[in-house]
Amino acid sequence: MKRHYDIAQEELSFYGNEGTSLQNILAVLIGPKSEPSLTGQLASLGINRLSDLSIEELKKFQGIGEIAAKRIVSAFGLANH
């Protein structure tokens, strides 16, 4: 059985950013240990709320560590440059 992360990577490769759900983009950013329940919870916040979260706020979610939080914040930082 494929992991959520693997499915998300395949979707991103096949459909690109525009055709990939926010949940699966988050799975790619978080990495191989991402769980659908976590990425779904984060995606349910919406892109605007999610982009406002700090590293410390992201780390409060079960399954988000320092590195994953920095990846997410950095992705939004790139989008805003």
PDB file of N, CA and C in Angstrom:
ATOM      1  N   MET A   1       0.840  -1.184   0.000  1.00  0.00           N
ATOM      2  CA  MET A   1       0.000   0.000   0.000  1.00  0.00           C
ATOM      3  C   MET A   1       0.888   1.251   0.000  1.00  0.00           C
ATOM      4  N   LYS A   2       0.566   2.182  -0.875  1.00  0.00           N
ATOM      5  CA  LYS A   2       1.365   3.400  -0.978  1.00  0.00           C
ATOM      6  C   LYS A   2       1.064   4.349   0.173  1.00  0.00           C
ATOM      7  N   ARG A   3       2.110   5.043   0.591  1.00  0.00           N
ATOM      8  CA  ARG A   3       1.959   6.060   1.629  1.00  0.00           C
ATOM      9  C   ARG A   3       1.333   7.317   1.038  1.00  0.00           C
ATOM     10  N   HIS A   4       0.741   8.091   1.906  1.00  0.00           N
ATOM     11  CA  HIS A   4       0.136   9.370   1.519  1.00  0.00           C
ATOM     12  C   HIS A   4       1.159  10.237   0.789  1.00  0.00           C
ATOM     13  N   TYR A   5       2.360  10.277   1.291  1.00  0.00           N
ATOM     14  CA  TYR A   5       3.443  11.074   0.709  1.00  0.00           C
ATOM     15  C   TYR A   5       3.735  10.643  -0.727  1.00  0.00           C
ATOM     16  N   ASP A   6       3.795   9.333  -0.962  1.00  0.00           N
ATOM     17  CA  ASP A   6       4.091   8.821  -2.301  1.00  0.00           C
ATOM     18  C   ASP A   6       2.989   9.185  -3.292  1.00  0.00           C
ATOM     19  N   ILE A   7       1.752   9.041  -2.861  1.00  0.00           N
ATOM     20  CA  ILE A   7       0.610   9.395  -3.710  1.00  0.00           C
ATOM     21  C   ILE A   7       0.643  10.891  -4.025  1.00  0.00           C
ATOM     22  N   ALA A   8       0.943  11.693  -3.015  1.00  0.00           N
ATOM     23  CA  ALA A   8       1.008  13.147  -3.194  1.00  0.00           C
ATOM     24  C   ALA A   8       2.106  13.527  -4.181  1.00  0.00           C
ATOM     25  N   GLN A   9       3.249  12.877  -4.091  1.00  0.00           N
ATOM     26  CA  GLN A   9       4.348  13.163  -5.018  1.00  0.00           C
ATOM     27  C   GLN A   9       3.961  12.815  -6.449  1.00  0.00           C
ATOM     28  N   GLU A  10       3.292  11.679  -6.622  1.00  0.00           N
ATOM     29  CA  GLU A  10       2.857  11.272  -7.954  1.00  0.00           C
ATOM     30  C   GLU A  10       1.854  12.275  -8.526  1.00  0.00           C
ATOM     31  N   GLU A  11       0.917  12.714  -7.690  1.00  0.00           N
ATOM     32  CA  GLU A  11      -0.081  13.688  -8.137  1.00  0.00           C
ATOM     33  C   GLU A  11       0.594  14.989  -8.563  1.00  0.00           C
ATOM     34  N   LEU A  12       1.551  15.450  -7.776  1.00  0.00           N
ATOM     35  CA  LEU A  12       2.262  16.685  -8.095  1.00  0.00           C
ATOM     36  C   LEU A  12       3.052  16.541  -9.397  1.00  0.00           C
ATOM     37  N   SER A  13       3.694  15.404  -9.584  1.00  0.00           N
ATOM     38  CA  SER A  13       4.460  15.167 -10.812  1.00  0.00           C
ATOM     39  C   SER A  13       3.557  15.131 -12.037  1.00  0.00           C
ATOM     40  N   PHE A  14       2.399  14.515 -11.900  1.00  0.00           N
ATOM     41  CA  PHE A  14       1.491  14.329 -13.031  1.00  0.00           C
ATOM     42  C   PHE A  14       0.681  15.584 -13.346  1.00  0.00           C
ATOM     43  N   TYR A  15       0.133  16.219 -12.306  1.00  0.00           N
ATOM     44  CA  TYR A  15      -0.792  17.338 -12.505  1.00  0.00           C
ATOM     45  C   TYR A  15      -0.175  18.722 -12.291  1.00  0.00           C
ATOM     46  N   GLY A  16       0.988  18.788 -11.658  1.00  0.00           N
ATOM     47  CA  GLY A  16       1.591  20.078 -11.345  1.00  0.00           C
ATOM     48  C   GLY A  16       0.885  20.750 -10.175  1.00  0.00           C
ATOM     49  N   ASN A  17       1.341  21.944  -9.819  1.00  0.00           N
ATOM     50  CA  ASN A  17       0.777  22.675  -8.675  1.00  0.00           C
ATOM     51  C   ASN A  17      -0.705  22.960  -8.830  1.00  0.00           C
ATOM     52  N   GLU A  18      -1.104  23.370 -10.023  1.00  0.00           N
ATOM     53  CA  GLU A  18      -2.494  23.779 -10.242  1.00  0.00           C
ATOM     54  C   GLU A  18      -3.476  22.623 -10.090  1.00  0.00           C
ATOM     55  N   GLY A  19      -3.042  21.416 -10.412  1.00  0.00           N
ATOM     56  CA  GLY A  19      -3.942  20.272 -10.356  1.00  0.00           C
ATOM     57  C   GLY A  19      -3.788  19.413  -9.122  1.00  0.00           C
ATOM     58  N   THR A  20      -2.988  19.871  -8.172  1.00  0.00           N
ATOM     59  CA  THR A  20      -2.739  19.106  -6.951  1.00  0.00           C
ATOM     60  C   THR A  20      -3.434  19.785  -5.784  1.00  0.00           C
ATOM     61  N   SER A  21      -4.081  18.995  -4.962  1.00  0.00           N
ATOM     62  CA  SER A  21      -4.800  19.549  -3.812  1.00  0.00           C
ATOM     63  C   SER A  21      -3.824  20.156  -2.807  1.00  0.00           C
ATOM     64  N   LEU A  22      -4.314  21.111  -2.054  1.00  0.00           N
ATOM     65  CA  LEU A  22      -3.509  21.707  -0.987  1.00  0.00           C
ATOM     66  C   LEU A  22      -3.059  20.625  -0.014  1.00  0.00           C
ATOM     67  N   GLN A  23      -3.928  19.688   0.278  1.00  0.00           N
ATOM     68  CA  GLN A  23      -3.585  18.599   1.192  1.00  0.00           C
ATOM     69  C   GLN A  23      -2.367  17.825   0.682  1.00  0.00           C
ATOM     70  N   ASN A  24      -2.325  17.530  -0.597  1.00  0.00           N
ATOM     71  CA  ASN A  24      -1.200  16.764  -1.125  1.00  0.00           C
ATOM     72  C   ASN A  24       0.059  17.605  -1.282  1.00  0.00           C
ATOM     73  N   ILE A  25      -0.082  18.885  -1.566  1.00  0.00           N
ATOM     74  CA  ILE A  25       1.099  19.757  -1.592  1.00  0.00           C
ATOM     75  C   ILE A  25       1.719  19.813  -0.194  1.00  0.00           C
ATOM     76  N   LEU A  26       0.885  19.892   0.819  1.00  0.00           N
ATOM     77  CA  LEU A  26       1.383  19.888   2.197  1.00  0.00           C
ATOM     78  C   LEU A  26       2.079  18.571   2.523  1.00  0.00           C
ATOM     79  N   ALA A  27       1.558  17.462   2.026  1.00  0.00           N
ATOM     80  CA  ALA A  27       2.192  16.158   2.262  1.00  0.00           C
ATOM     81  C   ALA A  27       3.600  16.132   1.684  1.00  0.00           C
ATOM     82  N   VAL A  28       3.777  16.700   0.497  1.00  0.00           N
ATOM     83  CA  VAL A  28       5.103  16.753  -0.119  1.00  0.00           C
ATOM     84  C   VAL A  28       6.036  17.626   0.720  1.00  0.00           C
ATOM     85  N   LEU A  29       5.547  18.755   1.199  1.00  0.00           N
ATOM     86  CA  LEU A  29       6.368  19.642   2.027  1.00  0.00           C
ATOM     87  C   LEU A  29       6.744  19.000   3.359  1.00  0.00           C
ATOM     88  N   ILE A  30       5.792  18.328   3.983  1.00  0.00           N
ATOM     89  CA  ILE A  30       6.038  17.728   5.299  1.00  0.00           C
ATOM     90  C   ILE A  30       6.988  16.548   5.185  1.00  0.00           C
ATOM     91  N   GLY A  31       6.826  15.750   4.149  1.00  0.00           N
ATOM     92  CA  GLY A  31       7.741  14.642   3.924  1.00  0.00           C
ATOM     93  C   GLY A  31       7.114  13.282   4.137  1.00  0.00           C
ATOM     94  N   PRO A  32       7.945  12.238   4.091  1.00  0.00           N
ATOM     95  CA  PRO A  32       7.465  10.857   4.120  1.00  0.00           C
ATOM     96  C   PRO A  32       6.627  10.473   5.339  1.00  0.00           C
ATOM     97  N   LYS A  33       6.747  11.187   6.419  1.00  0.00           N
ATOM     98  CA  LYS A  33       5.979  10.836   7.622  1.00  0.00           C
ATOM     99  C   LYS A  33       4.625  11.532   7.681  1.00  0.00           C
ATOM    100  N   SER A  34       4.271  12.255   6.615  1.00  0.00           N
ATOM    101  CA  SER A  34       2.988  12.968   6.621  1.00  0.00           C
ATOM    102  C   SER A  34       1.828  11.985   6.664  1.00  0.00           C
ATOM    103  N   GLU A  35       0.801  12.351   7.388  1.00  0.00           N
ATOM    104  CA  GLU A  35      -0.406  11.535   7.532  1.00  0.00           C
ATOM    105  C   GLU A  35      -1.590  12.297   6.952  1.00  0.00           C
ATOM    106  N   PRO A  36      -2.516  11.591   6.296  1.00  0.00           N
ATOM    107  CA  PRO A  36      -3.683  12.265   5.720  1.00  0.00           C
ATOM    108  C   PRO A  36      -4.481  13.080   6.739  1.00  0.00           C
ATOM    109  N   SER A  37      -4.568  12.597   7.964  1.00  0.00           N
ATOM    110  CA  SER A  37      -5.329  13.342   8.978  1.00  0.00           C
ATOM    111  C   SER A  37      -4.675  14.691   9.272  1.00  0.00           C
ATOM    112  N   LEU A  38      -3.367  14.728   9.331  1.00  0.00           N
ATOM    113  CA  LEU A  38      -2.640  15.971   9.588  1.00  0.00           C
ATOM    114  C   LEU A  38      -2.753  16.929   8.406  1.00  0.00           C
ATOM    115  N   THR A  39      -2.468  16.436   7.215  1.00  0.00           N
ATOM    116  CA  THR A  39      -2.509  17.320   6.050  1.00  0.00           C
ATOM    117  C   THR A  39      -3.932  17.798   5.768  1.00  0.00           C
ATOM    118  N   GLY A  40      -4.904  16.961   6.062  1.00  0.00           N
ATOM    119  CA  GLY A  40      -6.299  17.373   5.912  1.00  0.00           C
ATOM    120  C   GLY A  40      -6.665  18.471   6.892  1.00  0.00           C
ATOM    121  N   GLN A  41      -6.190  18.322   8.126  1.00  0.00           N
ATOM    122  CA  GLN A  41      -6.451  19.336   9.151  1.00  0.00           C
ATOM    123  C   GLN A  41      -5.826  20.672   8.749  1.00  0.00           C
ATOM    124  N   LEU A  42      -4.598  20.628   8.278  1.00  0.00           N
ATOM    125  CA  LEU A  42      -3.922  21.856   7.854  1.00  0.00           C
ATOM    126  C   LEU A  42      -4.613  22.465   6.635  1.00  0.00           C
ATOM    127  N   ALA A  43      -4.951  21.641   5.663  1.00  0.00           N
ATOM    128  CA  ALA A  43      -5.607  22.135   4.448  1.00  0.00           C
ATOM    129  C   ALA A  43      -6.961  22.757   4.761  1.00  0.00           C
ATOM    130  N   SER A  44      -7.639  22.229   5.777  1.00  0.00           N
ATOM    131  CA  SER A  44      -8.964  22.757   6.129  1.00  0.00           C
ATOM    132  C   SER A  44      -8.892  24.192   6.667  1.00  0.00           C
ATOM    133  N   LEU A  45      -7.709  24.612   7.084  1.00  0.00           N
ATOM    134  CA  LEU A  45      -7.529  25.995   7.543  1.00  0.00           C
ATOM    135  C   LEU A  45      -7.639  26.977   6.379  1.00  0.00           C
ATOM    136  N   GLY A  46      -7.333  26.492   5.195  1.00  0.00           N
ATOM    137  CA  GLY A  46      -7.339  27.357   4.016  1.00  0.00           C
ATOM    138  C   GLY A  46      -5.980  27.993   3.813  1.00  0.00           C
ATOM    139  N   ILE A  47      -5.729  28.342   2.601  1.00  0.00           N
ATOM    140  CA  ILE A  47      -4.417  28.867   2.226  1.00  0.00           C
ATOM    141  C   ILE A  47      -4.082  30.177   2.937  1.00  0.00           C
ATOM    142  N   ASN A  48      -5.055  31.053   3.108  1.00  0.00           N
ATOM    143  CA  ASN A  48      -4.785  32.346   3.746  1.00  0.00           C
ATOM    144  C   ASN A  48      -4.417  32.188   5.213  1.00  0.00           C
ATOM    145  N   ARG A  49      -5.179  31.402   5.949  1.00  0.00           N
ATOM    146  CA  ARG A  49      -4.881  31.190   7.377  1.00  0.00           C
ATOM    147  C   ARG A  49      -3.568  30.438   7.534  1.00  0.00           C
ATOM    148  N   LEU A  50      -3.386  29.424   6.707  1.00  0.00           N
ATOM    149  CA  LEU A  50      -2.171  28.616   6.779  1.00  0.00           C
ATOM    150  C   LEU A  50      -0.928  29.471   6.522  1.00  0.00           C
ATOM    151  N   SER A  51      -1.021  30.385   5.584  1.00  0.00           N
ATOM    152  CA  SER A  51       0.135  31.228   5.251  1.00  0.00           C
ATOM    153  C   SER A  51       0.478  32.214   6.364  1.00  0.00           C
ATOM    154  N   ASP A  52      -0.453  32.450   7.266  1.00  0.00           N
ATOM    155  CA  ASP A  52      -0.211  33.366   8.388  1.00  0.00           C
ATOM    156  C   ASP A  52       0.404  32.680   9.609  1.00  0.00           C
ATOM    157  N   LEU A  53       0.437  31.352   9.617  1.00  0.00           N
ATOM    158  CA  LEU A  53       0.941  30.634  10.791  1.00  0.00           C
ATOM    159  C   LEU A  53       2.459  30.741  10.893  1.00  0.00           C
ATOM    160  N   SER A  54       2.933  30.878  12.103  1.00  0.00           N
ATOM    161  CA  SER A  54       4.374  30.929  12.368  1.00  0.00           C
ATOM    162  C   SER A  54       4.915  29.509  12.537  1.00  0.00           C
ATOM    163  N   ILE A  55       6.213  29.401  12.595  1.00  0.00           N
ATOM    164  CA  ILE A  55       6.849  28.107  12.844  1.00  0.00           C
ATOM    165  C   ILE A  55       6.349  27.536  14.165  1.00  0.00           C
ATOM    166  N   GLU A  56       6.309  28.349  15.183  1.00  0.00           N
ATOM    167  CA  GLU A  56       5.858  27.879  16.501  1.00  0.00           C
ATOM    168  C   GLU A  56       4.402  27.425  16.475  1.00  0.00           C
ATOM    169  N   GLU A  57       3.554  28.144  15.759  1.00  0.00           N
ATOM    170  CA  GLU A  57       2.143  27.753  15.668  1.00  0.00           C
ATOM    171  C   GLU A  57       1.993  26.432  14.916  1.00  0.00           C
ATOM    172  N   LEU A  58       2.759  26.260  13.858  1.00  0.00           N
ATOM    173  CA  LEU A  58       2.695  25.012  13.093  1.00  0.00           C
ATOM    174  C   LEU A  58       3.160  23.823  13.925  1.00  0.00           C
ATOM    175  N   LYS A  59       4.170  24.036  14.755  1.00  0.00           N
ATOM    176  CA  LYS A  59       4.700  22.946  15.584  1.00  0.00           C
ATOM    177  C   LYS A  59       3.703  22.450  16.619  1.00  0.00           C
ATOM    178  N   LYS A  60       2.652  23.186  16.865  1.00  0.00           N
ATOM    179  CA  LYS A  60       1.623  22.751  17.814  1.00  0.00           C
ATOM    180  C   LYS A  60       0.763  21.628  17.238  1.00  0.00           C
ATOM    181  N   PHE A  61       0.802  21.440  15.926  1.00  0.00           N
ATOM    182  CA  PHE A  61       0.051  20.357  15.301  1.00  0.00           C
ATOM    183  C   PHE A  61       0.814  19.048  15.480  1.00  0.00           C
ATOM    184  N   GLN A  62       0.119  18.027  15.948  1.00  0.00           N
ATOM    185  CA  GLN A  62       0.714  16.697  16.130  1.00  0.00           C
ATOM    186  C   GLN A  62       1.255  16.206  14.786  1.00  0.00           C
ATOM    187  N   GLY A  63       2.563  15.964  14.713  1.00  0.00           N
ATOM    188  CA  GLY A  63       3.175  15.471  13.485  1.00  0.00           C
ATOM    189  C   GLY A  63       3.984  16.515  12.737  1.00  0.00           C
ATOM    190  N   ILE A  64       3.960  17.758  13.224  1.00  0.00           N
ATOM    191  CA  ILE A  64       4.757  18.824  12.601  1.00  0.00           C
ATOM    192  C   ILE A  64       5.917  19.158  13.527  1.00  0.00           C
ATOM    193  N   GLY A  65       7.110  18.906  13.047  1.00  0.00           N
ATOM    194  CA  GLY A  65       8.305  19.257  13.800  1.00  0.00           C
ATOM    195  C   GLY A  65       8.920  20.536  13.259  1.00  0.00           C
ATOM    196  N   GLU A  66      10.068  20.852  13.774  1.00  0.00           N
ATOM    197  CA  GLU A  66      10.777  22.075  13.398  1.00  0.00           C
ATOM    198  C   GLU A  66      11.039  22.148  11.892  1.00  0.00           C
ATOM    199  N   ILE A  67      11.554  21.066  11.327  1.00  0.00           N
ATOM    200  CA  ILE A  67      11.922  21.072   9.909  1.00  0.00           C
ATOM    201  C   ILE A  67      10.697  21.221   9.019  1.00  0.00           C
ATOM    202  N   ALA A  68       9.651  20.459   9.289  1.00  0.00           N
ATOM    203  CA  ALA A  68       8.427  20.553   8.478  1.00  0.00           C
ATOM    204  C   ALA A  68       7.812  21.945   8.587  1.00  0.00           C
ATOM    205  N   ALA A  69       7.809  22.502   9.782  1.00  0.00           N
ATOM    206  CA  ALA A  69       7.262  23.849   9.972  1.00  0.00           C
ATOM    207  C   ALA A  69       8.060  24.870   9.163  1.00  0.00           C
ATOM    208  N   LYS A  70       9.370  24.735   9.163  1.00  0.00           N
ATOM    209  CA  LYS A  70      10.213  25.655   8.391  1.00  0.00           C
ATOM    210  C   LYS A  70       9.985  25.489   6.893  1.00  0.00           C
ATOM    211  N   ARG A  71       9.771  24.267   6.444  1.00  0.00           N
ATOM    212  CA  ARG A  71       9.491  24.037   5.020  1.00  0.00           C
ATOM    213  C   ARG A  71       8.205  24.742   4.601  1.00  0.00           C
ATOM    214  N   ILE A  72       7.174  24.617   5.422  1.00  0.00           N
ATOM    215  CA  ILE A  72       5.882  25.232   5.102  1.00  0.00           C
ATOM    216  C   ILE A  72       6.003  26.752   5.088  1.00  0.00           C
ATOM    217  N   VAL A  73       6.614  27.311   6.122  1.00  0.00           N
ATOM    218  CA  VAL A  73       6.788  28.765   6.196  1.00  0.00           C
ATOM    219  C   VAL A  73       7.652  29.256   5.029  1.00  0.00           C
ATOM    220  N   SER A  74       8.681  28.512   4.690  1.00  0.00           N
ATOM    221  CA  SER A  74       9.553  28.892   3.573  1.00  0.00           C
ATOM    222  C   SER A  74       8.814  28.865   2.242  1.00  0.00           C
ATOM    223  N   ALA A  75       7.952  27.885   2.058  1.00  0.00           N
ATOM    224  CA  ALA A  75       7.172  27.801   0.812  1.00  0.00           C
ATOM    225  C   ALA A  75       6.300  29.040   0.643  1.00  0.00           C
ATOM    226  N   PHE A  76       5.666  29.467   1.721  1.00  0.00           N
ATOM    227  CA  PHE A  76       4.858  30.685   1.638  1.00  0.00           C
ATOM    228  C   PHE A  76       5.737  31.915   1.460  1.00  0.00           C
ATOM    229  N   GLY A  77       6.927  31.892   2.041  1.00  0.00           N
ATOM    230  CA  GLY A  77       7.862  32.995   1.845  1.00  0.00           C
ATOM    231  C   GLY A  77       8.275  33.131   0.389  1.00  0.00           C
ATOM    232  N   LEU A  78       8.529  32.007  -0.276  1.00  0.00           N
ATOM    233  CA  LEU A  78       8.864  32.037  -1.701  1.00  0.00           C
ATOM    234  C   LEU A  78       7.715  32.593  -2.528  1.00  0.00           C
ATOM    235  N   ALA A  79       6.518  32.186  -2.191  1.00  0.00           N
ATOM    236  CA  ALA A  79       5.340  32.627  -2.940  1.00  0.00           C
ATOM    237  C   ALA A  79       5.128  34.134  -2.817  1.00  0.00           C
ATOM    238  N   ASN A  80       5.582  34.707  -1.722  1.00  0.00           N
ATOM    239  CA  ASN A  80       5.371  36.139  -1.481  1.00  0.00           C
ATOM    240  C   ASN A  80       6.499  37.024  -2.001  1.00  0.00           C
ATOM    241  N   HIS A  81       7.548  36.418  -2.532  1.00  0.00           N
ATOM    242  CA  HIS A  81       8.670  37.225  -3.054  1.00  0.00           C
ATOM    243  C   HIS A  81       8.420  37.620  -4.477  1.00  0.00           C
TER     244      HIS A  81
END
